[in-house]
Amino acid sequence: MSEPKPVFDAARHCDAMAPALGLEISEEQRPAVLQFLAVAKAMSEIVFAAPLDEASFEPAGVFRAGRPHDGEPA
Protein backbone atom coordinates (compact mmCIF):
# COMPACT_ATOMS: atom_id res chain seq x y z
CA MET A 1 0.00 0.00 0.00
CA SER A 2 1.47 3.33 -1.02
CA GLU A 3 1.33 6.42 1.14
CA PRO A 4 -1.06 9.19 0.06
CA LYS A 5 0.50 11.98 -1.95
CA PRO A 6 0.73 15.16 0.15
CA VAL A 7 -1.55 17.98 -0.94
CA PHE A 8 0.23 21.17 -2.02
CA ASP A 9 -0.64 24.05 0.29
CA ALA A 10 0.28 27.29 -1.48
CA ALA A 11 -0.15 29.38 1.69
CA ARG A 12 2.17 27.18 3.76
CA HIS A 13 4.69 27.12 0.92
CA CYS A 14 4.57 30.91 0.65
CA ASP A 15 4.91 31.35 4.42
CA ALA A 16 7.95 29.06 4.50
CA MET A 17 9.74 30.18 1.35
CA ALA A 18 9.28 33.96 1.40
CA PRO A 19 11.48 34.50 4.48
CA ALA A 20 14.00 31.93 3.24
CA LEU A 21 14.33 33.93 0.02
CA GLY A 22 14.33 37.30 1.77
CA LEU A 23 10.98 38.29 0.27
CA GLU A 24 8.38 40.46 1.95
CA ILE A 25 4.93 39.71 0.54
CA SER A 26 2.30 42.26 1.50
CA GLU A 27 -1.30 41.36 2.28
CA GLU A 28 -2.22 43.10 -0.98
CA GLN A 29 0.19 40.90 -2.97
CA ARG A 30 -0.58 37.63 -1.16
CA PRO A 31 -3.70 36.54 -3.12
CA ALA A 32 -1.92 36.90 -6.47
CA VAL A 33 1.20 35.15 -5.15
CA LEU A 34 -0.89 32.23 -3.87
CA GLN A 35 -2.71 32.03 -7.20
CA PHE A 36 0.60 31.97 -9.07
CA LEU A 37 1.99 29.24 -6.79
CA ALA A 38 -1.08 27.08 -7.47
CA VAL A 39 -0.66 27.59 -11.23
CA ALA A 40 3.08 26.83 -10.99
CA LYS A 41 2.32 23.60 -9.10
CA ALA A 42 -0.15 22.55 -11.81
CA MET A 43 2.44 23.30 -14.51
CA SER A 44 5.08 21.30 -12.66
CA GLU A 45 2.78 18.27 -12.57
CA ILE A 46 2.46 18.43 -16.37
CA VAL A 47 6.23 18.68 -16.80
CA PHE A 48 7.03 15.87 -14.37
CA ALA A 49 4.39 13.61 -15.97
CA ALA A 50 6.17 13.77 -19.34
CA PRO A 51 8.23 10.68 -20.14
CA LEU A 52 11.98 11.19 -19.99
CA ASP A 53 14.45 8.87 -21.63
CA GLU A 54 17.34 8.68 -19.18
CA ALA A 55 19.72 7.88 -22.06
CA SER A 56 19.03 11.28 -23.61
CA PHE A 57 19.75 13.22 -20.42
CA GLU A 58 22.58 15.74 -20.82
CA PRO A 59 23.47 18.04 -17.95
CA ALA A 60 23.69 21.73 -18.72
CA GLY A 61 26.99 23.54 -18.70
CA VAL A 62 28.05 25.55 -15.69
CA PHE A 63 28.39 29.33 -15.98
CA ARG A 64 31.42 30.81 -14.27
CA ALA A 65 31.74 34.58 -14.30
CA GLY A 66 34.99 36.17 -15.38
CA ARG A 67 37.46 35.78 -18.17
CA PRO A 68 38.31 32.20 -19.08
CA HIS A 69 41.78 30.74 -18.51
CA ASP A 70 43.54 33.85 -17.18
CA GLY A 71 43.34 32.93 -13.51
CA GLU A 72 42.36 36.47 -12.57
CA PRO A 73 39.07 37.20 -10.81
CA ALA A 74 36.56 39.17 -12.83
PDB file of N, CA and C in Angstrom:
ATOM      1  N   MET A   1       0.848  -1.178   0.000  1.00  0.00           N
ATOM      2  CA  MET A   1       0.000   0.000   0.000  1.00  0.00           C
ATOM      3  C   MET A   1       0.893   1.241   0.000  1.00  0.00           C
ATOM      4  N   SER A   2       0.656   2.126  -0.934  1.00  0.00           N
ATOM      5  CA  SER A   2       1.474   3.335  -1.015  1.00  0.00           C
ATOM      6  C   SER A   2       0.893   4.428  -0.122  1.00  0.00           C
ATOM      7  N   GLU A   3       1.773   5.309   0.299  1.00  0.00           N
ATOM      8  CA  GLU A   3       1.329   6.417   1.140  1.00  0.00           C
ATOM      9  C   GLU A   3       0.634   7.462   0.283  1.00  0.00           C
ATOM     10  N   PRO A   4      -0.365   8.156   0.845  1.00  0.00           N
ATOM     11  CA  PRO A   4      -1.056   9.186   0.056  1.00  0.00           C
ATOM     12  C   PRO A   4      -0.106  10.325  -0.299  1.00  0.00           C
ATOM     13  N   LYS A   5      -0.316  10.865  -1.487  1.00  0.00           N
ATOM     14  CA  LYS A   5       0.500  11.982  -1.955  1.00  0.00           C
ATOM     15  C   LYS A   5       0.103  13.232  -1.171  1.00  0.00           C
ATOM     16  N   PRO A   6       1.086  13.948  -0.604  1.00  0.00           N
ATOM     17  CA  PRO A   6       0.729  15.156   0.152  1.00  0.00           C
ATOM     18  C   PRO A   6       0.099  16.212  -0.750  1.00  0.00           C
ATOM     19  N   VAL A   7      -0.862  16.920  -0.205  1.00  0.00           N
ATOM     20  CA  VAL A   7      -1.547  17.977  -0.940  1.00  0.00           C
ATOM     21  C   VAL A   7      -0.699  19.247  -0.852  1.00  0.00           C
ATOM     22  N   PHE A   8      -0.542  19.924  -1.990  1.00  0.00           N
ATOM     23  CA  PHE A   8       0.227  21.171  -2.019  1.00  0.00           C
ATOM     24  C   PHE A   8      -0.584  22.278  -1.370  1.00  0.00           C
ATOM     25  N   ASP A   9       0.003  22.937  -0.410  1.00  0.00           N
ATOM     26  CA  ASP A   9      -0.635  24.048   0.289  1.00  0.00           C
ATOM     27  C   ASP A   9       0.141  25.318  -0.062  1.00  0.00           C
ATOM     28  N   ALA A  10      -0.405  26.098  -0.989  1.00  0.00           N
ATOM     29  CA  ALA A  10       0.283  27.294  -1.478  1.00  0.00           C
ATOM     30  C   ALA A  10       0.575  28.277  -0.345  1.00  0.00           C
ATOM     31  N   ALA A  11      -0.343  28.428   0.588  1.00  0.00           N
ATOM     32  CA  ALA A  11      -0.151  29.381   1.687  1.00  0.00           C
ATOM     33  C   ALA A  11       1.004  28.951   2.585  1.00  0.00           C
ATOM     34  N   ARG A  12       1.059  27.673   2.932  1.00  0.00           N
ATOM     35  CA  ARG A  12       2.170  27.182   3.763  1.00  0.00           C
ATOM     36  C   ARG A  12       3.491  27.312   3.024  1.00  0.00           C
ATOM     37  N   HIS A  13       3.471  27.008   1.726  1.00  0.00           N
ATOM     38  CA  HIS A  13       4.686  27.116   0.921  1.00  0.00           C
ATOM     39  C   HIS A  13       5.163  28.571   0.897  1.00  0.00           C
ATOM     40  N   CYS A  14       4.250  29.478   0.675  1.00  0.00           N
ATOM     41  CA  CYS A  14       4.574  30.910   0.649  1.00  0.00           C
ATOM     42  C   CYS A  14       5.135  31.355   1.999  1.00  0.00           C
ATOM     43  N   ASP A  15       4.474  30.950   3.077  1.00  0.00           N
ATOM     44  CA  ASP A  15       4.905  31.346   4.417  1.00  0.00           C
ATOM     45  C   ASP A  15       6.298  30.813   4.748  1.00  0.00           C
ATOM     46  N   ALA A  16       6.638  29.646   4.233  1.00  0.00           N
ATOM     47  CA  ALA A  16       7.950  29.059   4.502  1.00  0.00           C
ATOM     48  C   ALA A  16       9.034  29.628   3.597  1.00  0.00           C
ATOM     49  N   MET A  17       8.708  29.810   2.319  1.00  0.00           N
ATOM     50  CA  MET A  17       9.739  30.177   1.350  1.00  0.00           C
ATOM     51  C   MET A  17      10.035  31.674   1.291  1.00  0.00           C
ATOM     52  N   ALA A  18       9.045  32.516   1.506  1.00  0.00           N
ATOM     53  CA  ALA A  18       9.280  33.963   1.402  1.00  0.00           C
ATOM     54  C   ALA A  18      10.409  34.420   2.331  1.00  0.00           C
ATOM     55  N   PRO A  19      10.377  34.066   3.611  1.00  0.00           N
ATOM     56  CA  PRO A  19      11.484  34.496   4.478  1.00  0.00           C
ATOM     57  C   PRO A  19      12.817  33.855   4.081  1.00  0.00           C
ATOM     58  N   ALA A  20      12.765  32.610   3.641  1.00  0.00           N
ATOM     59  CA  ALA A  20      14.001  31.928   3.238  1.00  0.00           C
ATOM     60  C   ALA A  20      14.648  32.619   2.046  1.00  0.00           C
ATOM     61  N   LEU A  21      13.829  33.229   1.202  1.00  0.00           N
ATOM     62  CA  LEU A  21      14.331  33.931   0.021  1.00  0.00           C
ATOM     63  C   LEU A  21      14.506  35.430   0.256  1.00  0.00           C
ATOM     64  N   GLY A  22      14.201  35.880   1.458  1.00  0.00           N
ATOM     65  CA  GLY A  22      14.333  37.302   1.770  1.00  0.00           C
ATOM     66  C   GLY A  22      13.250  38.150   1.135  1.00  0.00           C
ATOM     67  N   LEU A  23      12.077  37.564   0.906  1.00  0.00           N
ATOM     68  CA  LEU A  23      10.977  38.290   0.269  1.00  0.00           C
ATOM     69  C   LEU A  23       9.974  38.757   1.314  1.00  0.00           C
ATOM     70  N   GLU A  24       9.467  39.948   1.125  1.00  0.00           N
ATOM     71  CA  GLU A  24       8.375  40.457   1.951  1.00  0.00           C
ATOM     72  C   GLU A  24       7.149  40.554   1.058  1.00  0.00           C
ATOM     73  N   ILE A  25       6.151  39.741   1.344  1.00  0.00           N
ATOM     74  CA  ILE A  25       4.931  39.712   0.539  1.00  0.00           C
ATOM     75  C   ILE A  25       3.836  40.401   1.344  1.00  0.00           C
ATOM     76  N   SER A  26       3.323  41.490   0.798  1.00  0.00           N
ATOM     77  CA  SER A  26       2.296  42.260   1.505  1.00  0.00           C
ATOM     78  C   SER A  26       0.955  41.528   1.428  1.00  0.00           C
ATOM     79  N   GLU A  27       0.046  41.946   2.297  1.00  0.00           N
ATOM     80  CA  GLU A  27      -1.304  41.365   2.277  1.00  0.00           C
ATOM     81  C   GLU A  27      -1.988  41.645   0.941  1.00  0.00           C
ATOM     82  N   GLU A  28      -1.649  42.768   0.326  1.00  0.00           N
ATOM     83  CA  GLU A  28      -2.217  43.104  -0.980  1.00  0.00           C
ATOM     84  C   GLU A  28      -1.687  42.161  -2.070  1.00  0.00           C
ATOM     85  N   GLN A  29      -0.433  41.775  -1.977  1.00  0.00           N
ATOM     86  CA  GLN A  29       0.190  40.899  -2.972  1.00  0.00           C
ATOM     87  C   GLN A  29      -0.155  39.428  -2.766  1.00  0.00           C
ATOM     88  N   ARG A  30      -0.433  39.049  -1.525  1.00  0.00           N
ATOM     89  CA  ARG A  30      -0.576  37.634  -1.161  1.00  0.00           C
ATOM     90  C   ARG A  30      -1.570  36.850  -2.027  1.00  0.00           C
ATOM     91  N   PRO A  31      -2.780  37.333  -2.297  1.00  0.00           N
ATOM     92  CA  PRO A  31      -3.703  36.537  -3.116  1.00  0.00           C
ATOM     93  C   PRO A  31      -3.140  36.201  -4.500  1.00  0.00           C
ATOM     94  N   ALA A  32      -2.489  37.154  -5.139  1.00  0.00           N
ATOM     95  CA  ALA A  32      -1.920  36.896  -6.465  1.00  0.00           C
ATOM     96  C   ALA A  32      -0.741  35.937  -6.380  1.00  0.00           C
ATOM     97  N   VAL A  33       0.069  36.062  -5.327  1.00  0.00           N
ATOM     98  CA  VAL A  33       1.201  35.146  -5.149  1.00  0.00           C
ATOM     99  C   VAL A  33       0.689  33.725  -4.941  1.00  0.00           C
ATOM    100  N   LEU A  34      -0.324  33.560  -4.110  1.00  0.00           N
ATOM    101  CA  LEU A  34      -0.887  32.227  -3.871  1.00  0.00           C
ATOM    102  C   LEU A  34      -1.492  31.651  -5.146  1.00  0.00           C
ATOM    103  N   GLN A  35      -2.150  32.489  -5.932  1.00  0.00           N
ATOM    104  CA  GLN A  35      -2.715  32.033  -7.202  1.00  0.00           C
ATOM    105  C   GLN A  35      -1.597  31.574  -8.132  1.00  0.00           C
ATOM    106  N   PHE A  36      -0.521  32.350  -8.219  1.00  0.00           N
ATOM    107  CA  PHE A  36       0.599  31.965  -9.072  1.00  0.00           C
ATOM    108  C   PHE A  36       1.223  30.659  -8.602  1.00  0.00           C
ATOM    109  N   LEU A  37       1.399  30.485  -7.293  1.00  0.00           N
ATOM    110  CA  LEU A  37       1.991  29.243  -6.786  1.00  0.00           C
ATOM    111  C   LEU A  37       1.132  28.035  -7.149  1.00  0.00           C
ATOM    112  N   ALA A  38      -0.192  28.181  -7.089  1.00  0.00           N
ATOM    113  CA  ALA A  38      -1.082  27.084  -7.473  1.00  0.00           C
ATOM    114  C   ALA A  38      -0.943  26.766  -8.959  1.00  0.00           C
ATOM    115  N   VAL A  39      -0.845  27.793  -9.792  1.00  0.00           N
ATOM    116  CA  VAL A  39      -0.656  27.589 -11.233  1.00  0.00           C
ATOM    117  C   VAL A  39       0.699  26.939 -11.496  1.00  0.00           C
ATOM    118  N   ALA A  40       1.744  27.403 -10.810  1.00  0.00           N
ATOM    119  CA  ALA A  40       3.084  26.835 -10.986  1.00  0.00           C
ATOM    120  C   ALA A  40       3.100  25.362 -10.588  1.00  0.00           C
ATOM    121  N   LYS A  41       2.401  25.010  -9.523  1.00  0.00           N
ATOM    122  CA  LYS A  41       2.317  23.603  -9.097  1.00  0.00           C
ATOM    123  C   LYS A  41       1.642  22.773 -10.180  1.00  0.00           C
ATOM    124  N   ALA A  42       0.551  23.275 -10.740  1.00  0.00           N
ATOM    125  CA  ALA A  42      -0.152  22.551 -11.809  1.00  0.00           C
ATOM    126  C   ALA A  42       0.753  22.374 -13.024  1.00  0.00           C
ATOM    127  N   MET A  43       1.513  23.412 -13.373  1.00  0.00           N
ATOM    128  CA  MET A  43       2.436  23.300 -14.511  1.00  0.00           C
ATOM    129  C   MET A  43       3.528  22.282 -14.225  1.00  0.00           C
ATOM    130  N   SER A  44       4.024  22.247 -12.995  1.00  0.00           N
ATOM    131  CA  SER A  44       5.085  21.296 -12.658  1.00  0.00           C
ATOM    132  C   SER A  44       4.592  19.858 -12.768  1.00  0.00           C
ATOM    133  N   GLU A  45       3.335  19.623 -12.447  1.00  0.00           N
ATOM    134  CA  GLU A  45       2.785  18.270 -12.572  1.00  0.00           C
ATOM    135  C   GLU A  45       2.754  17.828 -14.029  1.00  0.00           C
ATOM    136  N   ILE A  46       2.448  18.746 -14.934  1.00  0.00           N
ATOM    137  CA  ILE A  46       2.456  18.428 -16.369  1.00  0.00           C
ATOM    138  C   ILE A  46       3.873  18.095 -16.819  1.00  0.00           C
ATOM    139  N   VAL A  47       4.834  18.908 -16.403  1.00  0.00           N
ATOM    140  CA  VAL A  47       6.231  18.683 -16.802  1.00  0.00           C
ATOM    141  C   VAL A  47       6.741  17.357 -16.254  1.00  0.00           C
ATOM    142  N   PHE A  48       6.510  17.089 -14.976  1.00  0.00           N
ATOM    143  CA  PHE A  48       7.025  15.866 -14.370  1.00  0.00           C
ATOM    144  C   PHE A  48       6.301  14.616 -14.851  1.00  0.00           C
ATOM    145  N   ALA A  49       5.116  14.764 -15.436  1.00  0.00           N
ATOM    146  CA  ALA A  49       4.391  13.613 -15.974  1.00  0.00           C
ATOM    147  C   ALA A  49       4.913  13.198 -17.344  1.00  0.00           C
ATOM    148  N   ALA A  50       5.646  14.078 -18.007  1.00  0.00           N
ATOM    149  CA  ALA A  50       6.168  13.769 -19.343  1.00  0.00           C
ATOM    150  C   ALA A  50       7.238  12.687 -19.238  1.00  0.00           C
ATOM    151  N   PRO A  51       7.202  11.734 -20.172  1.00  0.00           N
ATOM    152  CA  PRO A  51       8.226  10.684 -20.136  1.00  0.00           C
ATOM    153  C   PRO A  51       9.605  11.264 -20.453  1.00  0.00           C
ATOM    154  N   LEU A  52      10.610  10.729 -19.784  1.00  0.00           N
ATOM    155  CA  LEU A  52      11.976  11.194 -19.987  1.00  0.00           C
ATOM    156  C   LEU A  52      12.867   9.983 -20.203  1.00  0.00           C
ATOM    157  N   ASP A  53      13.516   9.949 -21.338  1.00  0.00           N
ATOM    158  CA  ASP A  53      14.450   8.874 -21.634  1.00  0.00           C
ATOM    159  C   ASP A  53      15.764   9.200 -20.941  1.00  0.00           C
ATOM    160  N   GLU A  54      16.124   8.414 -19.944  1.00  0.00           N
ATOM    161  CA  GLU A  54      17.338   8.677 -19.177  1.00  0.00           C
ATOM    162  C   GLU A  54      18.583   8.688 -20.056  1.00  0.00           C
ATOM    163  N   ALA A  55      18.565   7.937 -21.164  1.00  0.00           N
ATOM    164  CA  ALA A  55      19.724   7.880 -22.057  1.00  0.00           C
ATOM    165  C   ALA A  55      19.940   9.206 -22.781  1.00  0.00           C
ATOM    166  N   SER A  56      18.895  10.016 -22.891  1.00  0.00           N
ATOM    167  CA  SER A  56      19.029  11.284 -23.612  1.00  0.00           C
ATOM    168  C   SER A  56      19.341  12.454 -22.683  1.00  0.00           C
ATOM    169  N   PHE A  57      19.488  12.172 -21.405  1.00  0.00           N
ATOM    170  CA  PHE A  57      19.751  13.225 -20.425  1.00  0.00           C
ATOM    171  C   PHE A  57      21.166  13.766 -20.591  1.00  0.00           C
ATOM    172  N   GLU A  58      21.283  15.078 -20.738  1.00  0.00           N
ATOM    173  CA  GLU A  58      22.585  15.743 -20.822  1.00  0.00           C
ATOM    174  C   GLU A  58      22.575  16.919 -19.856  1.00  0.00           C
ATOM    175  N   PRO A  59      23.447  16.916 -18.875  1.00  0.00           N
ATOM    176  CA  PRO A  59      23.469  18.040 -17.946  1.00  0.00           C
ATOM    177  C   PRO A  59      23.884  19.333 -18.638  1.00  0.00           C
ATOM    178  N   ALA A  60      23.352  20.419 -18.156  1.00  0.00           N
ATOM    179  CA  ALA A  60      23.688  21.728 -18.719  1.00  0.00           C
ATOM    180  C   ALA A  60      25.084  22.138 -18.280  1.00  0.00           C
ATOM    181  N   GLY A  61      25.685  23.001 -19.065  1.00  0.00           N
ATOM    182  CA  GLY A  61      26.990  23.535 -18.703  1.00  0.00           C
ATOM    183  C   GLY A  61      26.893  24.416 -17.476  1.00  0.00           C
ATOM    184  N   VAL A  62      28.008  24.721 -16.882  1.00  0.00           N
ATOM    185  CA  VAL A  62      28.051  25.552 -15.689  1.00  0.00           C
ATOM    186  C   VAL A  62      28.628  26.911 -16.059  1.00  0.00           C
ATOM    187  N   PHE A  63      27.913  27.975 -15.711  1.00  0.00           N
ATOM    188  CA  PHE A  63      28.391  29.327 -15.979  1.00  0.00           C
ATOM    189  C   PHE A  63      29.328  29.752 -14.861  1.00  0.00           C
ATOM    190  N   ARG A  64      30.479  30.243 -15.236  1.00  0.00           N
ATOM    191  CA  ARG A  64      31.417  30.814 -14.274  1.00  0.00           C
ATOM    192  C   ARG A  64      31.768  32.222 -14.754  1.00  0.00           C
ATOM    193  N   ALA A  65      31.488  33.196 -13.925  1.00  0.00           N
ATOM    194  CA  ALA A  65      31.744  34.585 -14.303  1.00  0.00           C
ATOM    195  C   ALA A  65      33.241  34.850 -14.406  1.00  0.00           C
ATOM    196  N   GLY A  66      33.590  35.792 -15.255  1.00  0.00           N
ATOM    197  CA  GLY A  66      34.992  36.166 -15.382  1.00  0.00           C
ATOM    198  C   GLY A  66      35.559  35.763 -16.725  1.00  0.00           C
ATOM    199  N   ARG A  67      36.790  36.117 -16.921  1.00  0.00           N
ATOM    200  CA  ARG A  67      37.462  35.781 -18.174  1.00  0.00           C
ATOM    201  C   ARG A  67      37.999  34.361 -18.086  1.00  0.00           C
ATOM    202  N   PRO A  68      37.837  33.586 -19.132  1.00  0.00           N
ATOM    203  CA  PRO A  68      38.305  32.199 -19.077  1.00  0.00           C
ATOM    204  C   PRO A  68      39.831  32.108 -19.145  1.00  0.00           C
ATOM    205  N   HIS A  69      40.382  31.183 -18.411  1.00  0.00           N
ATOM    206  CA  HIS A  69      41.779  30.739 -18.511  1.00  0.00           C
ATOM    207  C   HIS A  69      42.834  31.757 -18.099  1.00  0.00           C
ATOM    208  N   ASP A  70      42.473  32.909 -17.541  1.00  0.00           N
ATOM    209  CA  ASP A  70      43.540  33.846 -17.181  1.00  0.00           C
ATOM    210  C   ASP A  70      43.876  33.806 -15.692  1.00  0.00           C
ATOM    211  N   GLY A  71      43.062  33.075 -14.927  1.00  0.00           N
ATOM    212  CA  GLY A  71      43.337  32.925 -13.511  1.00  0.00           C
ATOM    213  C   GLY A  71      43.053  34.157 -12.670  1.00  0.00           C
ATOM    214  N   GLU A  72      42.661  35.235 -13.289  1.00  0.00           N
ATOM    215  CA  GLU A  72      42.360  36.473 -12.572  1.00  0.00           C
ATOM    216  C   GLU A  72      40.868  36.541 -12.265  1.00  0.00           C
ATOM    217  N   PRO A  73      40.503  37.011 -11.086  1.00  0.00           N
ATOM    218  CA  PRO A  73      39.072  37.198 -10.812  1.00  0.00           C
ATOM    219  C   PRO A  73      38.496  38.297 -11.693  1.00  0.00           C
ATOM    220  N   ALA A  74      37.226  38.181 -11.969  1.00  0.00           N
ATOM    221  CA  ALA A  74      36.555  39.170 -12.830  1.00  0.00           C
ATOM    222  C   ALA A  74      36.389  40.481 -12.120  1.00  0.00           C
TER     223      ALA A  74
END
